Amino acid sequence: MAVQETRLALRNMGKIDPMSIDDYIAQGGYEALAKARQMDRDELISEVENASKLRGRGGAGFNTGFKWSGAKASEGDQKFIVCNADEGEPGTFKDRVILENDPHTVLEGMLIAAYAVGATEAIVYCRGEYEHQIALLRHAVEQAEEHGLTGDVHMHVFSGAGSYVCGEETALLNSIEGQRAEPRLKPPYPTVAGAFGKPTVVNNVETFANVPVIVGKGAAWYAGIGAAEYPGTKVFSISGDVKNPGCYEVATDASLNDVIELAGGVTEGHKIKAVQLGGSSCGYIKGSELDQSVDFDSLRRNGKSLGSGAVLVLNETHNLVDQVQQIVHFLGHESCGKCTPCREGLCQAGVILDRFAAGKGTQADLDMLQALHDLMATDCFCALGQGALTAFVSAYEIFPEDFRERMVN
């Protein structure tokens, strides 16, 4: 039997007018916020941290409540809640879909987090290209304020400047402060010294969208969905050679095959050669190896990454050299340039992959790409550089013939 969608973050998609707070309230919106504000703060955090086991849906899979407890325990005259809606990973568009269909669920999740940690400032950092979503969010904030729902929390919507590296939380915080968007050295972590040096919780859109469901329906109910150690659902952005590209939300014990079937499967007359799961900084999976669970831990045990939930399906007509070439040039363009291994390594990798794309690659080039990967994975300052050549290593490991086709004899 084919898997069915289980919609939690996308529960109101197609059911409400995203411009109407009354529609959201009619679906039970802001009831969870009222319930949370009647709870003891420590009890609320424990529900999220221990009972629901909600883990971040932005890629790192870090326990959400544990991050909240750290911020609550940190001393400060002011605390911040920040929603990372920058979403710069190629092939990832789930946060955009959540925001454009149900902006209030994200705001409600942020207000619950603000109450839990004692924050008085809440900021949505939204990708600058998401003009429609930014307008929706600002309208939603105005409505929440008019209905007296924000309490003593000041909510802001910040339009980013289009920097991919702002997906990294400390680079995002620098951007909010008006500084150059470069990652910071950690520790201190944002929960101790984040925005403007104050204790700060940074979670992504999908994570916050789950919070009202957990509080409203109960952590035990939520923990009973999906995989035991990574419970709940995951929203996937599916693109490439499938019949129905789009966003699909499934319980975390579904398989990658199930996710692709929801998108209609591979286009007629073709077969799946590979799937890149997680985004451009992640590796590939053979089309014959898709019957594996999509929960964070199962994938990690198999040497794969859930990442941002992007699923790029490639049929047999693709040579992965071309895919890797595009990824490296994109990451080279988006590197902040803070550290030499990333800045120079991506430049050199791009030159080498251009030779492969032109059919002029050599064994020495392959050796150099591997050496660059080994160096960057350990010496780059942040995850952008550390994972920049993961796609190359993975593609060459499982499809070496694609590279041999582009080599000189």
Protein backbone atom coordinates (compact mmCIF):
# COMPACT_ATOMS: atom_id res chain seq x y z
CA MET A 1 0.00 0.00 0.00
CA ALA A 2 1.36 3.39 -1.00
CA VAL A 3 2.29 5.75 1.81
CA GLN A 4 0.00 8.69 2.49
CA GLU A 5 0.97 12.19 3.48
CA THR A 6 0.85 13.08 7.17
CA ARG A 7 0.50 16.83 7.32
CA LEU A 8 1.51 18.67 10.47
CA ALA A 9 3.62 21.62 9.34
CA LEU A 10 1.45 21.76 6.19
CA ARG A 11 -1.79 20.97 8.03
CA ASN A 12 -3.57 24.16 6.90
CA MET A 13 -2.31 24.14 3.32
CA GLY A 14 -5.28 24.76 1.03
CA LYS A 15 -7.66 25.06 3.98
CA ILE A 16 -7.20 28.71 4.94
CA ASP A 17 -6.59 32.10 3.41
CA PRO A 18 -3.01 32.90 4.52
CA MET A 19 -3.97 36.58 4.69
CA SER A 20 -6.69 35.88 7.26
CA ILE A 21 -5.95 35.42 10.96
CA ASP A 22 -9.63 34.59 11.44
CA ASP A 23 -9.26 31.58 9.13
CA TYR A 24 -6.25 30.43 11.15
CA ILE A 25 -8.09 30.88 14.44
CA ALA A 26 -11.09 28.96 13.05
CA GLN A 27 -8.75 26.00 12.52
CA GLY A 28 -7.65 26.12 16.16
CA GLY A 29 -4.86 28.64 15.63
CA TYR A 30 -3.32 30.29 18.69
CA GLU A 31 -5.04 27.84 21.05
CA ALA A 32 -1.66 26.19 21.63
CA LEU A 33 -0.16 29.60 22.51
CA ALA A 34 -2.87 30.18 25.10
CA LYS A 35 -2.28 26.68 26.51
CA ALA A 36 1.50 27.20 26.62
CA ARG A 37 1.16 30.45 28.53
CA GLN A 38 -0.72 28.59 31.26
CA MET A 39 2.13 26.11 31.66
CA ASP A 40 5.22 26.31 33.78
CA ARG A 41 8.12 27.31 31.53
CA ASP A 42 10.30 24.40 32.56
CA GLU A 43 7.41 22.00 32.03
CA LEU A 44 6.81 23.43 28.57
CA ILE A 45 10.46 23.08 27.58
CA SER A 46 10.52 19.53 28.93
CA GLU A 47 7.49 18.66 26.80
CA VAL A 48 9.34 19.80 23.69
CA GLU A 49 12.77 18.50 24.70
CA ASN A 50 12.08 15.15 26.33
CA ALA A 51 8.52 14.11 25.59
CA SER A 52 8.16 15.14 21.95
CA LYS A 53 11.87 14.79 21.06
CA LEU A 54 11.39 17.45 18.40
CA ARG A 55 14.64 17.93 16.52
CA GLY A 56 15.51 20.79 14.23
CA ARG A 57 14.21 20.48 10.68
CA GLY A 58 16.86 22.73 9.18
CA GLY A 59 19.51 20.06 8.67
CA ALA A 60 21.50 19.64 11.88
CA GLY A 61 18.86 17.57 13.69
CA PHE A 62 19.64 19.20 17.05
CA ASN A 63 17.15 18.74 19.90
CA THR A 64 14.92 21.82 19.85
CA GLY A 65 13.95 21.86 23.51
CA PHE A 66 17.57 21.44 24.61
CA LYS A 67 18.41 24.62 22.70
CA TRP A 68 15.49 26.37 24.40
CA SER A 69 16.60 25.22 27.84
CA GLY A 70 20.08 26.62 27.20
CA ALA A 71 18.68 30.03 26.31
CA LYS A 72 16.33 30.02 29.30
CA ALA A 73 19.21 29.23 31.65
CA SER A 74 21.42 31.99 30.21
CA GLU A 75 21.38 35.30 32.02
CA GLY A 76 20.46 38.39 30.06
CA ASP A 77 18.30 41.49 30.30
CA GLN A 78 16.92 40.66 26.86
CA LYS A 79 16.55 37.45 24.87
CA PHE A 80 15.81 36.78 21.20
CA ILE A 81 13.90 34.20 19.19
CA VAL A 82 15.06 34.05 15.57
CA CYS A 83 13.38 32.12 12.78
CA ASN A 84 15.77 31.17 9.99
CA ALA A 85 13.71 31.55 6.81
CA ASP A 86 16.70 32.29 4.60
CA GLU A 87 16.36 28.97 2.69
CA GLY A 88 19.21 29.31 0.22
CA GLU A 89 19.88 25.61 -0.47
CA PRO A 90 19.30 24.85 -4.17
CA GLY A 91 16.34 22.52 -4.63
CA THR A 92 14.86 23.42 -1.23
CA PHE A 93 11.55 25.28 -1.15
CA LYS A 94 9.62 23.76 1.77
CA ASP A 95 9.91 26.83 4.01
CA ARG A 96 8.56 29.01 1.22
CA VAL A 97 5.54 26.74 0.87
CA ILE A 98 4.88 26.76 4.63
CA LEU A 99 5.13 30.54 4.83
CA GLU A 100 2.96 31.26 1.82
CA ASN A 101 0.22 28.91 3.01
CA ASP A 102 0.26 29.36 6.79
CA PRO A 103 2.42 32.21 8.15
CA HIS A 104 0.59 32.30 11.48
CA THR A 105 1.68 28.79 12.45
CA VAL A 106 5.30 29.96 12.32
CA LEU A 107 4.53 33.08 14.36
CA GLU A 108 2.63 30.99 16.91
CA GLY A 109 5.56 28.61 17.25
CA MET A 110 7.90 31.57 17.79
CA LEU A 111 5.63 33.12 20.42
CA ILE A 112 5.49 29.80 22.29
CA ALA A 113 9.29 29.63 22.20
CA ALA A 114 9.52 33.25 23.37
CA TYR A 115 7.34 32.48 26.38
CA ALA A 116 9.35 29.34 27.16
CA VAL A 117 12.73 31.09 27.31
CA GLY A 118 11.59 34.54 28.45
CA ALA A 119 12.38 36.34 25.19
CA THR A 120 10.95 39.76 24.38
CA GLU A 121 12.24 40.04 20.80
CA ALA A 122 11.34 37.76 17.90
CA ILE A 123 12.77 38.10 14.39
CA VAL A 124 11.93 36.23 11.20
CA TYR A 125 14.99 36.42 8.94
CA CYS A 126 13.50 35.81 5.50
CA ARG A 127 15.25 35.31 2.20
CA GLY A 128 15.17 38.63 0.34
CA GLU A 129 13.88 37.03 -2.86
CA TYR A 130 10.78 35.83 -0.99
CA GLU A 131 9.00 39.16 -1.42
CA HIS A 132 5.51 37.63 -1.33
CA GLN A 133 6.28 35.65 1.81
CA ILE A 134 7.80 38.72 3.51
CA ALA A 135 4.62 40.69 2.79
CA LEU A 136 2.50 37.84 4.17
CA LEU A 137 4.60 37.64 7.33
CA ARG A 138 4.46 41.38 7.97
CA HIS A 139 0.70 41.33 7.50
CA ALA A 140 0.43 38.36 9.86
CA VAL A 141 2.50 40.16 12.51
CA GLU A 142 0.22 43.19 12.29
CA GLN A 143 -2.84 40.96 12.68
CA ALA A 144 -1.36 39.12 15.68
CA GLU A 145 -0.55 42.45 17.34
CA GLU A 146 -4.06 43.80 16.66
CA HIS A 147 -5.54 40.68 18.31
CA GLY A 148 -3.33 41.16 21.37
CA LEU A 149 -1.56 37.83 20.82
CA THR A 150 2.05 39.00 20.87
CA GLY A 151 1.95 40.17 24.50
CA ASP A 152 5.27 41.75 25.46
CA VAL A 153 7.09 40.23 22.49
CA HIS A 154 8.15 42.60 19.72
CA MET A 155 8.03 40.77 16.37
CA HIS A 156 9.99 41.84 13.31
CA VAL A 157 10.40 40.53 9.77
CA PHE A 158 13.92 41.04 8.45
CA SER A 159 14.59 40.87 4.71
CA GLY A 160 17.93 39.21 3.98
CA ALA A 161 20.35 40.35 1.32
CA GLY A 162 20.54 37.09 -0.64
CA SER A 163 23.56 35.40 0.94
CA TYR A 164 23.59 31.59 0.98
CA VAL A 165 25.95 31.51 3.94
CA CYS A 166 23.23 33.11 6.08
CA GLY A 167 21.76 29.65 6.35
CA GLU A 168 24.47 29.25 9.00
CA GLU A 169 22.96 30.67 12.18
CA THR A 170 25.83 32.87 13.32
CA ALA A 171 26.30 34.39 9.84
CA LEU A 172 22.58 35.13 9.92
CA LEU A 173 22.95 36.85 13.29
CA ASN A 174 25.81 38.98 11.95
CA SER A 175 23.56 40.01 9.07
CA ILE A 176 20.77 41.01 11.47
CA GLU A 177 23.28 43.18 13.33
CA GLY A 178 24.27 44.92 10.10
CA GLN A 179 27.65 43.21 9.90
CA ARG A 180 29.21 41.24 7.06
CA ALA A 181 27.50 37.84 6.84
CA GLU A 182 30.33 35.59 8.03
CA PRO A 183 30.10 32.69 10.49
CA ARG A 184 31.33 33.25 14.02
CA LEU A 185 33.66 31.12 16.08
CA LYS A 186 31.73 28.88 18.49
CA PRO A 187 31.61 28.80 21.49
CA PRO A 188 30.04 31.00 22.66
CA TYR A 189 26.89 29.55 21.14
CA PRO A 190 23.91 31.75 20.27
CA THR A 191 21.97 30.47 23.30
CA VAL A 192 24.57 32.27 25.43
CA ALA A 193 25.63 35.16 23.16
CA GLY A 194 23.62 35.47 19.97
CA ALA A 195 21.91 38.49 18.45
CA PHE A 196 23.53 41.68 19.78
CA GLY A 197 25.36 39.53 22.34
CA LYS A 198 22.11 38.40 23.97
CA PRO A 199 20.89 34.80 24.55
CA THR A 200 19.21 33.71 21.31
CA VAL A 201 17.30 30.70 20.02
CA VAL A 202 17.60 30.11 16.27
CA ASN A 203 15.25 27.54 14.72
CA ASN A 204 14.05 27.18 11.16
CA VAL A 205 10.57 27.61 9.68
CA GLU A 206 9.55 23.95 9.66
CA THR A 207 10.69 23.49 13.26
CA PHE A 208 8.54 26.38 14.51
CA ALA A 209 5.58 25.15 12.42
CA ASN A 210 5.60 21.90 14.43
CA VAL A 211 5.57 23.57 17.85
CA PRO A 212 1.85 24.52 17.98
CA VAL A 213 0.91 20.95 17.02
CA ILE A 214 3.07 19.50 19.79
CA VAL A 215 1.67 21.83 22.44
CA GLY A 216 -1.90 21.56 21.15
CA LYS A 217 -2.17 17.81 20.67
CA GLY A 218 0.37 16.78 23.26
CA ALA A 219 3.98 15.70 23.09
CA ALA A 220 3.12 12.02 23.59
CA TRP A 221 0.79 12.10 20.59
CA TYR A 222 3.51 13.70 18.47
CA ALA A 223 6.19 11.25 19.65
CA GLY A 224 3.99 8.37 18.48
CA ILE A 225 4.34 9.44 14.85
CA GLY A 226 7.25 8.25 12.72
CA ALA A 227 10.66 7.03 13.88
CA ALA A 228 11.25 6.67 17.63
CA GLU A 229 14.37 8.87 17.86
CA TYR A 230 13.36 11.34 15.16
CA PRO A 231 9.59 11.49 15.62
CA GLY A 232 7.00 13.50 13.76
CA THR A 233 7.02 14.34 10.10
CA LYS A 234 9.40 15.78 7.53
CA VAL A 235 8.56 18.06 4.63
CA PHE A 236 10.45 17.22 1.45
CA SER A 237 11.07 19.48 -1.55
CA ILE A 238 11.05 17.15 -4.55
CA SER A 239 12.36 18.28 -7.92
CA GLY A 240 14.10 16.92 -11.00
CA ASP A 241 12.88 14.06 -13.15
CA VAL A 242 9.59 13.31 -11.38
CA LYS A 243 6.05 13.67 -12.66
CA ASN A 244 4.77 15.98 -9.92
CA PRO A 245 7.49 18.14 -8.33
CA GLY A 246 6.49 19.88 -5.12
CA CYS A 247 6.42 19.63 -1.33
CA TYR A 248 5.25 16.47 0.42
CA GLU A 249 5.07 15.79 4.16
CA VAL A 250 5.44 12.25 5.50
CA ALA A 251 5.97 10.52 8.82
CA THR A 252 9.68 10.03 9.45
CA ASP A 253 9.48 6.23 9.21
CA ALA A 254 8.60 6.46 5.51
CA SER A 255 11.16 5.37 2.92
CA LEU A 256 12.79 7.49 0.25
CA ASN A 257 10.95 5.37 -2.31
CA ASP A 258 7.67 6.37 -0.64
CA VAL A 259 8.55 10.05 -0.87
CA ILE A 260 9.36 9.81 -4.57
CA GLU A 261 6.17 7.86 -5.26
CA LEU A 262 4.15 10.70 -3.73
CA ALA A 263 5.62 12.89 -6.47
CA GLY A 264 4.39 10.44 -9.10
CA GLY A 265 7.66 8.60 -9.55
CA VAL A 266 10.19 9.06 -12.31
CA THR A 267 9.04 10.52 -15.64
CA GLU A 268 7.71 8.06 -18.23
CA GLY A 269 10.20 6.04 -20.22
CA HIS A 270 13.06 6.59 -17.77
CA LYS A 271 14.56 5.06 -14.67
CA ILE A 272 16.13 6.69 -11.63
CA LYS A 273 19.88 6.86 -11.89
CA ALA A 274 20.53 8.76 -8.66
CA VAL A 275 18.92 10.88 -5.99
CA GLN A 276 20.69 13.72 -4.25
CA LEU A 277 19.15 13.93 -0.81
CA GLY A 278 19.58 16.91 1.47
CA GLY A 279 20.81 19.63 -0.87
CA SER A 280 23.87 20.57 -2.87
CA SER A 281 26.29 19.88 -0.03
CA CYS A 282 25.10 16.29 0.29
CA GLY A 283 25.85 13.05 -1.49
CA TYR A 284 24.01 10.83 -3.96
CA ILE A 285 22.11 7.60 -3.56
CA LYS A 286 21.80 5.04 -6.35
CA GLY A 287 18.34 4.58 -7.82
CA SER A 288 18.48 0.94 -6.75
CA GLU A 289 19.06 1.84 -3.08
CA LEU A 290 16.07 4.03 -2.25
CA ASP A 291 14.28 1.63 0.06
CA GLN A 292 15.66 3.20 3.23
CA SER A 293 14.03 5.20 5.99
CA VAL A 294 14.18 8.97 5.74
CA ASP A 295 14.66 9.60 9.45
CA PHE A 296 17.78 11.52 10.42
CA ASP A 297 19.56 8.77 12.34
CA SER A 298 18.92 5.92 9.89
CA LEU A 299 20.33 7.99 7.05
CA ARG A 300 23.37 9.00 9.09
CA ARG A 301 24.08 5.35 9.94
CA ASN A 302 24.01 4.67 6.19
CA GLY A 303 26.47 7.49 5.54
CA LYS A 304 23.81 9.81 4.12
CA SER A 305 22.38 13.14 5.19
CA LEU A 306 18.80 14.32 5.48
CA GLY A 307 19.99 17.90 5.20
CA SER A 308 17.30 20.41 4.33
CA GLY A 309 14.95 17.77 2.93
CA ALA A 310 15.67 18.51 -0.73
CA VAL A 311 15.19 15.50 -3.02
CA LEU A 312 16.67 15.88 -6.52
CA VAL A 313 15.75 12.94 -8.75
CA LEU A 314 18.02 12.31 -11.75
CA ASN A 315 17.27 9.89 -14.57
CA GLU A 316 19.77 7.92 -16.64
CA THR A 317 20.31 10.75 -19.17
CA HIS A 318 22.41 12.77 -16.71
CA ASN A 319 26.17 12.71 -16.31
CA LEU A 320 26.97 13.62 -12.72
CA VAL A 321 30.03 15.59 -13.76
CA ASP A 322 27.66 18.32 -14.95
CA GLN A 323 25.76 18.27 -11.67
CA VAL A 324 28.90 18.53 -9.57
CA GLN A 325 30.30 21.30 -11.77
CA GLN A 326 27.18 23.43 -11.20
CA ILE A 327 27.26 22.81 -7.44
CA VAL A 328 30.91 23.81 -7.06
CA HIS A 329 30.44 27.01 -9.06
CA PHE A 330 27.37 27.90 -7.01
CA LEU A 331 29.18 27.34 -3.71
CA GLY A 332 32.22 29.22 -4.98
CA HIS A 333 29.99 32.19 -5.77
CA GLU A 334 28.32 32.02 -2.34
CA SER A 335 31.46 31.54 -0.24
CA CYS A 336 31.86 34.47 2.13
CA GLY A 337 35.63 34.31 1.63
CA LYS A 338 36.39 34.35 5.35
CA CYS A 339 38.73 31.36 5.24
CA THR A 340 41.39 30.57 2.65
CA PRO A 341 40.66 26.82 2.23
CA CYS A 342 37.08 27.54 1.17
CA ARG A 343 37.78 30.64 -0.91
CA GLU A 344 40.74 29.22 -2.83
CA GLY A 345 39.72 25.57 -2.72
CA LEU A 346 36.39 26.17 -4.45
CA CYS A 347 38.06 28.34 -7.07
CA GLN A 348 40.52 25.57 -7.95
CA ALA A 349 37.83 22.87 -7.83
CA GLY A 350 35.75 24.91 -10.27
CA VAL A 351 38.65 25.16 -12.72
CA ILE A 352 39.23 21.40 -12.57
CA LEU A 353 35.57 20.52 -13.04
CA ASP A 354 35.37 22.87 -16.01
CA ARG A 355 38.06 20.72 -17.62
CA PHE A 356 36.01 17.60 -16.94
CA ALA A 357 32.88 19.22 -18.37
CA ALA A 358 34.87 19.93 -21.53
CA GLY A 359 36.06 16.30 -21.72
CA LYS A 360 39.63 17.15 -20.73
CA GLY A 361 39.89 15.72 -17.21
CA THR A 362 42.87 13.70 -16.04
CA GLN A 363 43.71 11.32 -13.22
CA ALA A 364 45.82 14.07 -11.67
CA ASP A 365 42.69 16.24 -11.62
CA LEU A 366 40.76 13.54 -9.77
CA ASP A 367 43.57 13.21 -7.26
CA MET A 368 43.61 16.97 -6.72
CA LEU A 369 39.83 17.11 -6.18
CA GLN A 370 40.11 14.38 -3.56
CA ALA A 371 42.98 16.19 -1.86
CA LEU A 372 40.99 19.44 -1.85
CA HIS A 373 38.03 17.65 -0.30
CA ASP A 374 40.19 16.16 2.44
CA LEU A 375 41.71 19.56 3.23
CA MET A 376 38.46 21.53 3.13
CA ALA A 377 36.49 19.00 5.16
CA THR A 378 38.82 19.53 8.11
CA ASP A 379 40.17 23.07 7.70
CA CYS A 380 37.25 25.19 6.48
CA PHE A 381 35.61 27.45 9.06
CA CYS A 382 31.97 26.47 8.47
CA ALA A 383 29.80 23.79 6.88
CA LEU A 384 29.71 25.51 3.48
CA GLY A 385 33.36 24.76 2.80
CA GLN A 386 33.47 21.56 4.81
CA GLY A 387 30.78 19.96 2.66
CA ALA A 388 31.48 21.74 -0.62
CA LEU A 389 33.05 18.72 -2.34
CA THR A 390 30.87 16.05 -0.74
CA ALA A 391 28.83 15.82 -3.95
CA PHE A 392 32.01 15.19 -5.97
CA VAL A 393 33.29 12.47 -3.62
CA SER A 394 29.91 10.75 -3.60
CA ALA A 395 29.38 11.01 -7.36
CA TYR A 396 32.84 9.66 -8.15
CA GLU A 397 32.46 6.83 -5.66
CA ILE A 398 29.22 5.46 -7.09
CA PHE A 399 29.45 6.62 -10.72
CA PRO A 400 33.18 6.65 -11.64
CA GLU A 401 32.26 5.94 -15.25
CA ASP A 402 30.71 9.41 -15.56
CA PHE A 403 34.11 10.93 -14.85
CA ARG A 404 35.99 8.48 -17.08
CA GLU A 405 33.76 9.52 -19.97
CA ARG A 406 35.04 13.05 -19.59
CA MET A 407 38.76 12.22 -19.33
CA VAL A 408 41.42 12.41 -21.97
CA ASN A 409 43.00 9.06 -22.88
